[in-house]
Amino acid sequence: MTSSRIGRIVPGPGQESVWDYPRPPRVEPVSEEVVIRFGGREIARTARAVRVLETSHPPAYYLPPEAFLPGSLVPAPGVSVCEYKGTAVYLTVVSGSARSVGAAWSYPDPEPGFEALAGRIALYPGRMDRCTVDGEEVLPQAGSFYGGWITSRVVGPFKGEPGTLGW
């Protein structure tokens, strides 16, 4: 389905349309400060994230492991396979007594072209207390499987919203 058939939102100044993102996805480094809060405290902060840009999806941010508080990530059951990035493993996010099982994932050995993701951690923003990019609070991408981060700098419509299953 082409973006013209799904009602692509035209980006304004300083915005990007997810319909201009490529497929296969592109990985790019960002210098924006990414902060994650969970269980009432900050568990991660970095200005060395990378984001994955894929047609119809808001960016997913991947943080270096050293951005996280020690002990805030533990292995979780399950794996998934992306046709481009490879096999993902899941992590439980822990902060005090708060736990979110499988709320983070990583590609330990990504496919060629996605080596920049190796060992980096992505999280579902809707399962955290708060995620920000350069101080702006992120909205989570709709749908239980998608991990995109929506800021005012990206426009859709986004895969995961009602009626988008066939995209």
N, C-alpha and C. Protein backbone atom coordinates (compact mmCIF):
# COMPACT_ATOMS: atom_id res chain seq x y z
N MET A 1 0.86 -1.17 0.00
CA MET A 1 0.00 0.00 0.00
C MET A 1 0.90 1.23 0.00
N THR A 2 0.62 2.17 -0.85
CA THR A 2 1.46 3.37 -0.93
C THR A 2 1.03 4.40 0.09
N SER A 3 1.97 5.26 0.45
CA SER A 3 1.66 6.27 1.46
C SER A 3 0.57 7.22 1.00
N SER A 4 0.43 7.45 -0.30
CA SER A 4 -0.62 8.34 -0.78
C SER A 4 -2.01 7.74 -0.54
N ARG A 5 -2.09 6.41 -0.45
CA ARG A 5 -3.37 5.76 -0.22
C ARG A 5 -3.75 5.69 1.25
N ILE A 6 -2.81 5.95 2.14
CA ILE A 6 -3.13 5.82 3.56
C ILE A 6 -3.22 7.18 4.26
N GLY A 7 -3.13 8.27 3.52
CA GLY A 7 -3.29 9.58 4.14
C GLY A 7 -2.05 10.10 4.82
N ARG A 8 -0.91 9.99 4.15
CA ARG A 8 0.36 10.49 4.68
C ARG A 8 0.21 11.93 5.15
N ILE A 9 0.68 12.21 6.35
CA ILE A 9 0.68 13.56 6.88
C ILE A 9 1.93 14.27 6.35
N VAL A 10 1.73 15.45 5.80
CA VAL A 10 2.85 16.22 5.26
C VAL A 10 3.62 16.83 6.44
N PRO A 11 4.94 16.58 6.51
CA PRO A 11 5.71 17.12 7.63
C PRO A 11 5.83 18.64 7.56
N GLY A 12 5.80 19.26 8.73
CA GLY A 12 6.02 20.70 8.83
C GLY A 12 7.50 20.98 9.02
N PRO A 13 7.86 22.23 9.21
CA PRO A 13 9.27 22.58 9.43
C PRO A 13 9.84 21.82 10.64
N GLY A 14 11.00 21.22 10.45
CA GLY A 14 11.65 20.48 11.53
C GLY A 14 11.09 19.11 11.80
N GLN A 15 10.15 18.66 10.97
CA GLN A 15 9.55 17.34 11.15
C GLN A 15 9.99 16.38 10.06
N GLU A 16 9.81 15.08 10.34
CA GLU A 16 10.06 14.01 9.39
C GLU A 16 8.79 13.19 9.25
N SER A 17 8.54 12.69 8.05
CA SER A 17 7.45 11.75 7.86
C SER A 17 8.01 10.34 7.90
N VAL A 18 7.36 9.47 8.63
CA VAL A 18 7.80 8.07 8.67
C VAL A 18 7.63 7.41 7.30
N TRP A 19 6.90 8.04 6.42
CA TRP A 19 6.71 7.51 5.06
C TRP A 19 7.89 7.86 4.16
N ASP A 20 8.81 8.68 4.67
CA ASP A 20 10.05 8.95 3.95
C ASP A 20 11.19 8.06 4.45
N TYR A 21 10.94 7.30 5.50
CA TYR A 21 11.95 6.37 6.02
C TYR A 21 12.06 5.18 5.07
N PRO A 22 13.23 4.56 5.00
CA PRO A 22 13.44 3.47 4.02
C PRO A 22 12.97 2.10 4.52
N ARG A 23 12.89 1.21 3.56
CA ARG A 23 12.69 -0.21 3.85
C ARG A 23 13.59 -0.95 2.89
N PRO A 24 14.57 -1.70 3.30
CA PRO A 24 14.91 -2.03 4.69
C PRO A 24 15.28 -0.78 5.50
N PRO A 25 15.18 -0.93 6.83
CA PRO A 25 15.42 0.19 7.72
C PRO A 25 16.85 0.72 7.66
N ARG A 26 17.00 1.94 8.14
CA ARG A 26 18.31 2.58 8.26
C ARG A 26 18.60 2.81 9.73
N VAL A 27 19.87 2.64 10.11
CA VAL A 27 20.32 2.91 11.48
C VAL A 27 21.17 4.17 11.44
N GLU A 28 20.88 5.11 12.35
CA GLU A 28 21.68 6.33 12.38
C GLU A 28 21.96 6.75 13.81
N PRO A 29 23.17 7.25 14.06
CA PRO A 29 23.49 7.76 15.40
C PRO A 29 22.78 9.09 15.63
N VAL A 30 22.45 9.35 16.88
CA VAL A 30 21.85 10.62 17.25
C VAL A 30 22.60 11.19 18.45
N SER A 31 22.61 12.50 18.55
CA SER A 31 23.28 13.15 19.69
C SER A 31 22.26 13.67 20.69
N GLU A 32 20.98 13.42 20.44
CA GLU A 32 19.94 13.85 21.37
C GLU A 32 20.11 13.11 22.70
N GLU A 33 19.76 13.79 23.79
CA GLU A 33 19.82 13.12 25.09
C GLU A 33 18.56 12.29 25.30
N VAL A 34 18.76 11.02 25.55
CA VAL A 34 17.67 10.08 25.79
C VAL A 34 17.70 9.70 27.27
N VAL A 35 16.55 9.84 27.94
CA VAL A 35 16.44 9.53 29.36
C VAL A 35 15.24 8.61 29.56
N ILE A 36 15.44 7.58 30.38
CA ILE A 36 14.38 6.61 30.67
C ILE A 36 14.19 6.54 32.17
N ARG A 37 12.93 6.66 32.59
CA ARG A 37 12.56 6.53 34.00
C ARG A 37 11.63 5.33 34.15
N PHE A 38 11.89 4.55 35.21
CA PHE A 38 11.04 3.39 35.49
C PHE A 38 11.13 3.10 36.97
N GLY A 39 10.01 2.69 37.57
CA GLY A 39 10.00 2.39 38.99
C GLY A 39 10.30 3.61 39.84
N GLY A 40 9.96 4.78 39.34
CA GLY A 40 10.14 6.01 40.10
C GLY A 40 11.54 6.60 40.06
N ARG A 41 12.42 6.02 39.22
CA ARG A 41 13.77 6.61 39.16
C ARG A 41 14.34 6.51 37.74
N GLU A 42 15.37 7.29 37.52
CA GLU A 42 16.04 7.26 36.23
C GLU A 42 16.88 6.00 36.15
N ILE A 43 16.66 5.23 35.07
CA ILE A 43 17.44 3.99 34.91
C ILE A 43 18.42 4.06 33.76
N ALA A 44 18.27 5.09 32.88
CA ALA A 44 19.19 5.20 31.74
C ALA A 44 19.24 6.64 31.26
N ARG A 45 20.43 7.02 30.80
CA ARG A 45 20.64 8.35 30.21
C ARG A 45 21.83 8.24 29.26
N THR A 46 21.67 8.81 28.06
CA THR A 46 22.77 8.81 27.10
C THR A 46 22.55 9.88 26.03
N ALA A 47 23.64 10.31 25.45
CA ALA A 47 23.61 11.14 24.24
C ALA A 47 24.31 10.37 23.12
N ARG A 48 24.35 9.03 23.27
CA ARG A 48 25.02 8.16 22.28
C ARG A 48 24.10 7.04 21.80
N ALA A 49 22.84 7.36 21.63
CA ALA A 49 21.89 6.37 21.12
C ALA A 49 21.99 6.30 19.60
N VAL A 50 21.42 5.26 19.05
CA VAL A 50 21.16 5.19 17.61
C VAL A 50 19.67 4.99 17.45
N ARG A 51 19.15 5.40 16.31
CA ARG A 51 17.74 5.15 16.06
C ARG A 51 17.60 4.38 14.76
N VAL A 52 16.56 3.55 14.73
CA VAL A 52 16.24 2.76 13.55
C VAL A 52 15.03 3.42 12.88
N LEU A 53 15.20 3.72 11.60
CA LEU A 53 14.15 4.38 10.82
C LEU A 53 13.63 3.40 9.79
N GLU A 54 12.34 3.10 9.88
CA GLU A 54 11.72 2.13 8.98
C GLU A 54 10.38 2.65 8.52
N THR A 55 10.09 2.51 7.24
CA THR A 55 8.85 2.99 6.65
C THR A 55 7.65 2.68 7.53
N SER A 56 6.85 3.68 7.81
CA SER A 56 5.58 3.62 8.54
C SER A 56 5.73 3.51 10.06
N HIS A 57 6.96 3.44 10.56
CA HIS A 57 7.18 3.30 12.00
C HIS A 57 7.88 4.53 12.57
N PRO A 58 7.46 5.00 13.75
CA PRO A 58 8.27 6.02 14.41
C PRO A 58 9.61 5.40 14.81
N PRO A 59 10.65 6.21 14.97
CA PRO A 59 11.97 5.65 15.29
C PRO A 59 11.96 4.83 16.57
N ALA A 60 12.76 3.77 16.57
CA ALA A 60 13.06 3.03 17.79
C ALA A 60 14.47 3.43 18.20
N TYR A 61 14.67 3.78 19.46
CA TYR A 61 15.96 4.22 19.97
C TYR A 61 16.66 3.06 20.67
N TYR A 62 17.93 2.88 20.36
CA TYR A 62 18.76 1.81 20.93
C TYR A 62 19.88 2.48 21.71
N LEU A 63 19.98 2.15 23.00
CA LEU A 63 20.96 2.77 23.89
C LEU A 63 22.12 1.83 24.15
N PRO A 64 23.31 2.38 24.38
CA PRO A 64 24.43 1.52 24.75
C PRO A 64 24.20 0.93 26.14
N PRO A 65 24.67 -0.28 26.39
CA PRO A 65 24.41 -0.92 27.69
C PRO A 65 24.93 -0.10 28.88
N GLU A 66 26.02 0.63 28.70
CA GLU A 66 26.58 1.41 29.81
C GLU A 66 25.70 2.60 30.19
N ALA A 67 24.66 2.90 29.40
CA ALA A 67 23.73 3.98 29.73
C ALA A 67 22.79 3.59 30.87
N PHE A 68 22.68 2.27 31.13
CA PHE A 68 21.72 1.76 32.12
C PHE A 68 22.35 1.59 33.49
N LEU A 69 21.56 1.81 34.52
CA LEU A 69 22.01 1.51 35.88
C LEU A 69 22.33 0.03 35.99
N PRO A 70 23.39 -0.32 36.67
CA PRO A 70 23.69 -1.74 36.87
C PRO A 70 22.50 -2.45 37.53
N GLY A 71 22.18 -3.62 37.02
CA GLY A 71 21.09 -4.43 37.57
C GLY A 71 19.71 -4.06 37.07
N SER A 72 19.60 -3.06 36.20
CA SER A 72 18.27 -2.65 35.73
C SER A 72 17.77 -3.48 34.56
N LEU A 73 18.63 -4.34 34.01
CA LEU A 73 18.23 -5.22 32.91
C LEU A 73 18.65 -6.64 33.22
N VAL A 74 17.70 -7.57 33.13
CA VAL A 74 18.01 -8.98 33.33
C VAL A 74 17.36 -9.78 32.19
N PRO A 75 17.93 -10.92 31.82
CA PRO A 75 17.37 -11.71 30.72
C PRO A 75 15.91 -12.08 30.96
N ALA A 76 15.16 -12.09 29.87
CA ALA A 76 13.75 -12.49 29.91
C ALA A 76 13.56 -13.62 28.89
N PRO A 77 12.51 -14.40 29.05
CA PRO A 77 12.27 -15.46 28.07
C PRO A 77 11.83 -14.89 26.73
N GLY A 78 12.10 -15.65 25.68
CA GLY A 78 11.59 -15.32 24.37
C GLY A 78 12.61 -14.70 23.44
N VAL A 79 12.38 -14.92 22.17
CA VAL A 79 13.15 -14.31 21.10
C VAL A 79 12.16 -13.95 19.99
N SER A 80 12.59 -13.06 19.10
CA SER A 80 11.82 -12.77 17.89
C SER A 80 12.82 -12.57 16.77
N VAL A 81 12.33 -12.65 15.54
CA VAL A 81 13.21 -12.53 14.39
C VAL A 81 12.70 -11.41 13.48
N CYS A 82 13.59 -10.51 13.15
CA CYS A 82 13.32 -9.46 12.17
C CYS A 82 14.01 -9.88 10.87
N GLU A 83 13.32 -9.79 9.77
CA GLU A 83 13.91 -10.20 8.50
C GLU A 83 15.14 -9.39 8.14
N TYR A 84 15.31 -8.21 8.71
CA TYR A 84 16.45 -7.36 8.40
C TYR A 84 17.51 -7.38 9.50
N LYS A 85 17.07 -7.24 10.75
CA LYS A 85 18.02 -7.06 11.85
C LYS A 85 18.51 -8.38 12.44
N GLY A 86 17.72 -9.44 12.32
CA GLY A 86 18.13 -10.73 12.85
C GLY A 86 17.31 -11.13 14.06
N THR A 87 17.94 -11.92 14.96
CA THR A 87 17.25 -12.46 16.13
C THR A 87 17.43 -11.55 17.34
N ALA A 88 16.31 -11.17 17.93
CA ALA A 88 16.31 -10.32 19.13
C ALA A 88 16.10 -11.18 20.36
N VAL A 89 16.80 -10.82 21.43
CA VAL A 89 16.56 -11.41 22.74
C VAL A 89 15.89 -10.35 23.61
N TYR A 90 15.16 -10.81 24.61
CA TYR A 90 14.38 -9.89 25.44
C TYR A 90 14.97 -9.76 26.83
N LEU A 91 14.65 -8.62 27.44
CA LEU A 91 15.16 -8.30 28.77
C LEU A 91 14.01 -7.80 29.64
N THR A 92 14.10 -8.10 30.92
CA THR A 92 13.18 -7.54 31.91
C THR A 92 13.82 -6.30 32.49
N VAL A 93 13.04 -5.23 32.60
CA VAL A 93 13.52 -3.99 33.18
C VAL A 93 13.14 -3.99 34.66
N VAL A 94 14.14 -3.71 35.52
CA VAL A 94 13.96 -3.78 36.96
C VAL A 94 14.37 -2.44 37.59
N SER A 95 13.54 -1.95 38.50
CA SER A 95 13.88 -0.74 39.26
C SER A 95 13.19 -0.84 40.61
N GLY A 96 13.97 -1.10 41.66
CA GLY A 96 13.38 -1.34 42.97
C GLY A 96 12.48 -2.55 42.90
N SER A 97 11.21 -2.39 43.31
CA SER A 97 10.27 -3.51 43.26
C SER A 97 9.52 -3.58 41.93
N ALA A 98 9.73 -2.60 41.06
CA ALA A 98 9.05 -2.58 39.76
C ALA A 98 9.78 -3.49 38.76
N ARG A 99 9.00 -4.26 38.02
CA ARG A 99 9.56 -5.15 36.99
C ARG A 99 8.64 -5.09 35.77
N SER A 100 9.24 -5.01 34.59
CA SER A 100 8.48 -5.09 33.36
C SER A 100 9.14 -6.16 32.49
N VAL A 101 8.53 -7.35 32.52
CA VAL A 101 9.09 -8.52 31.85
C VAL A 101 9.04 -8.33 30.32
N GLY A 102 10.17 -8.51 29.68
CA GLY A 102 10.24 -8.42 28.22
C GLY A 102 10.04 -7.01 27.67
N ALA A 103 10.27 -5.99 28.48
CA ALA A 103 10.05 -4.61 28.04
C ALA A 103 11.20 -4.04 27.24
N ALA A 104 12.29 -4.78 27.12
CA ALA A 104 13.46 -4.33 26.36
C ALA A 104 13.94 -5.47 25.48
N TRP A 105 14.66 -5.12 24.44
CA TRP A 105 15.23 -6.14 23.56
C TRP A 105 16.56 -5.68 23.00
N SER A 106 17.29 -6.66 22.49
CA SER A 106 18.61 -6.40 21.95
C SER A 106 18.90 -7.40 20.83
N TYR A 107 19.79 -7.00 19.92
CA TYR A 107 20.27 -7.89 18.87
C TYR A 107 21.74 -8.18 19.15
N PRO A 108 22.04 -9.28 19.85
CA PRO A 108 23.44 -9.58 20.18
C PRO A 108 24.32 -9.79 18.96
N ASP A 109 23.75 -10.36 17.90
CA ASP A 109 24.52 -10.67 16.69
C ASP A 109 23.68 -10.30 15.47
N PRO A 110 23.52 -8.99 15.21
CA PRO A 110 22.62 -8.57 14.13
C PRO A 110 23.13 -8.95 12.74
N GLU A 111 22.24 -8.92 11.80
CA GLU A 111 22.55 -9.22 10.41
C GLU A 111 23.48 -8.15 9.82
N PRO A 112 24.19 -8.47 8.75
CA PRO A 112 25.04 -7.48 8.08
C PRO A 112 24.24 -6.22 7.71
N GLY A 113 24.86 -5.09 7.94
CA GLY A 113 24.21 -3.81 7.71
C GLY A 113 23.62 -3.22 8.97
N PHE A 114 23.47 -4.05 10.01
CA PHE A 114 22.88 -3.60 11.27
C PHE A 114 23.83 -3.79 12.45
N GLU A 115 25.12 -3.87 12.15
CA GLU A 115 26.13 -4.10 13.19
C GLU A 115 26.10 -3.04 14.27
N ALA A 116 25.66 -1.83 13.95
CA ALA A 116 25.60 -0.74 14.95
C ALA A 116 24.64 -1.04 16.09
N LEU A 117 23.76 -2.02 15.91
CA LEU A 117 22.81 -2.39 16.97
C LEU A 117 23.37 -3.41 17.94
N ALA A 118 24.48 -4.03 17.61
CA ALA A 118 25.02 -5.13 18.42
C ALA A 118 25.17 -4.72 19.88
N GLY A 119 24.45 -5.42 20.75
CA GLY A 119 24.54 -5.18 22.19
C GLY A 119 23.76 -3.99 22.69
N ARG A 120 23.25 -3.15 21.82
CA ARG A 120 22.46 -2.00 22.26
C ARG A 120 21.07 -2.45 22.70
N ILE A 121 20.43 -1.63 23.51
CA ILE A 121 19.16 -2.00 24.13
C ILE A 121 18.07 -1.03 23.68
N ALA A 122 16.94 -1.56 23.24
CA ALA A 122 15.75 -0.78 22.93
C ALA A 122 14.67 -1.14 23.94
N LEU A 123 13.76 -0.21 24.20
CA LEU A 123 12.68 -0.45 25.15
C LEU A 123 11.35 -0.01 24.58
N TYR A 124 10.29 -0.64 25.04
CA TYR A 124 8.94 -0.19 24.73
C TYR A 124 8.65 1.03 25.61
N PRO A 125 8.53 2.22 25.04
CA PRO A 125 8.34 3.41 25.89
C PRO A 125 7.05 3.38 26.70
N GLY A 126 6.02 2.71 26.18
CA GLY A 126 4.75 2.64 26.90
C GLY A 126 4.80 1.77 28.15
N ARG A 127 5.88 1.02 28.32
CA ARG A 127 6.01 0.16 29.50
C ARG A 127 6.95 0.77 30.54
N MET A 128 7.44 1.97 30.26
CA MET A 128 8.28 2.71 31.20
C MET A 128 7.45 3.82 31.84
N ASP A 129 7.95 4.42 32.92
CA ASP A 129 7.25 5.55 33.52
C ASP A 129 7.28 6.74 32.58
N ARG A 130 8.47 6.97 32.01
CA ARG A 130 8.65 8.14 31.15
C ARG A 130 9.92 7.97 30.33
N CYS A 131 9.83 8.27 29.05
CA CYS A 131 11.00 8.32 28.17
C CYS A 131 11.02 9.69 27.52
N THR A 132 12.19 10.30 27.45
CA THR A 132 12.30 11.60 26.81
C THR A 132 13.44 11.60 25.80
N VAL A 133 13.28 12.43 24.79
CA VAL A 133 14.31 12.70 23.80
C VAL A 133 14.52 14.21 23.80
N ASP A 134 15.70 14.62 24.21
CA ASP A 134 16.01 16.06 24.36
C ASP A 134 14.95 16.78 25.18
N GLY A 135 14.48 16.14 26.24
CA GLY A 135 13.54 16.74 27.17
C GLY A 135 12.08 16.60 26.79
N GLU A 136 11.79 16.13 25.57
CA GLU A 136 10.40 15.96 25.14
C GLU A 136 9.92 14.56 25.49
N GLU A 137 8.79 14.49 26.19
CA GLU A 137 8.24 13.18 26.54
C GLU A 137 7.76 12.45 25.29
N VAL A 138 8.11 11.17 25.22
CA VAL A 138 7.80 10.31 24.09
C VAL A 138 6.42 9.70 24.27
N LEU A 139 5.69 9.57 23.18
CA LEU A 139 4.46 8.78 23.15
C LEU A 139 4.81 7.44 22.54
N PRO A 140 4.24 6.36 23.06
CA PRO A 140 4.56 5.04 22.49
C PRO A 140 3.79 4.77 21.20
N GLN A 141 4.43 4.03 20.30
CA GLN A 141 3.75 3.55 19.11
C GLN A 141 2.65 2.59 19.53
N ALA A 142 1.51 2.70 18.90
CA ALA A 142 0.39 1.81 19.22
C ALA A 142 0.71 0.37 18.83
N GLY A 143 0.05 -0.55 19.47
CA GLY A 143 0.24 -1.97 19.17
C GLY A 143 1.21 -2.59 20.15
N SER A 144 0.92 -3.78 20.59
CA SER A 144 1.73 -4.40 21.65
C SER A 144 3.09 -4.87 21.18
N PHE A 145 3.30 -4.99 19.85
CA PHE A 145 4.56 -5.52 19.35
C PHE A 145 5.55 -4.43 18.95
N TYR A 146 5.06 -3.22 18.69
CA TYR A 146 5.89 -2.16 18.14
C TYR A 146 6.53 -1.32 19.23
N GLY A 147 7.78 -0.91 18.98
CA GLY A 147 8.54 -0.17 20.00
C GLY A 147 8.96 1.21 19.57
N GLY A 148 8.22 1.85 18.66
CA GLY A 148 8.60 3.18 18.19
C GLY A 148 8.34 4.27 19.21
N TRP A 149 9.13 5.32 19.09
CA TRP A 149 9.05 6.48 19.99
C TRP A 149 8.53 7.66 19.19
N ILE A 150 7.37 8.17 19.55
CA ILE A 150 6.75 9.29 18.84
C ILE A 150 7.06 10.59 19.57
N THR A 151 7.68 11.51 18.84
CA THR A 151 7.91 12.88 19.33
C THR A 151 7.23 13.83 18.34
N SER A 152 7.24 15.11 18.67
CA SER A 152 6.63 16.10 17.79
C SER A 152 7.40 16.24 16.48
N ARG A 153 8.56 15.63 16.40
CA ARG A 153 9.39 15.74 15.20
C ARG A 153 9.06 14.70 14.13
N VAL A 154 8.16 13.75 14.43
CA VAL A 154 7.78 12.74 13.44
C VAL A 154 6.27 12.75 13.23
N VAL A 155 5.87 12.53 11.98
CA VAL A 155 4.45 12.47 11.65
C VAL A 155 4.17 11.18 10.91
N GLY A 156 2.93 10.73 10.96
CA GLY A 156 2.53 9.46 10.40
C GLY A 156 1.61 9.62 9.21
N PRO A 157 0.59 8.77 9.21
CA PRO A 157 0.17 7.85 10.26
C PRO A 157 1.17 6.73 10.49
N PHE A 158 1.08 6.14 11.68
CA PHE A 158 2.04 5.13 12.12
C PHE A 158 1.43 3.74 12.10
N LYS A 159 2.22 2.76 11.67
CA LYS A 159 1.80 1.37 11.76
C LYS A 159 1.54 1.05 13.24
N GLY A 160 0.51 0.25 13.50
CA GLY A 160 0.14 -0.11 14.86
C GLY A 160 -1.17 0.54 15.28
N GLU A 161 -1.52 1.65 14.62
CA GLU A 161 -2.78 2.31 14.93
C GLU A 161 -3.93 1.47 14.36
N PRO A 162 -5.16 1.65 14.85
CA PRO A 162 -6.28 0.87 14.33
C PRO A 162 -6.37 0.98 12.80
N GLY A 163 -6.62 -0.17 12.16
CA GLY A 163 -6.75 -0.22 10.71
C GLY A 163 -5.46 -0.38 9.94
N THR A 164 -4.33 -0.56 10.64
CA THR A 164 -3.04 -0.62 9.95
C THR A 164 -2.46 -2.04 9.87
N LEU A 165 -3.19 -3.01 10.31
CA LEU A 165 -2.66 -4.38 10.36
C LEU A 165 -2.17 -4.85 8.99
N GLY A 166 -2.84 -4.49 7.93
CA GLY A 166 -2.47 -4.95 6.60
C GLY A 166 -1.39 -4.16 5.91
N TRP A 167 -0.82 -3.16 6.55
CA TRP A 167 0.22 -2.33 5.91
C TRP A 167 1.47 -3.13 5.72
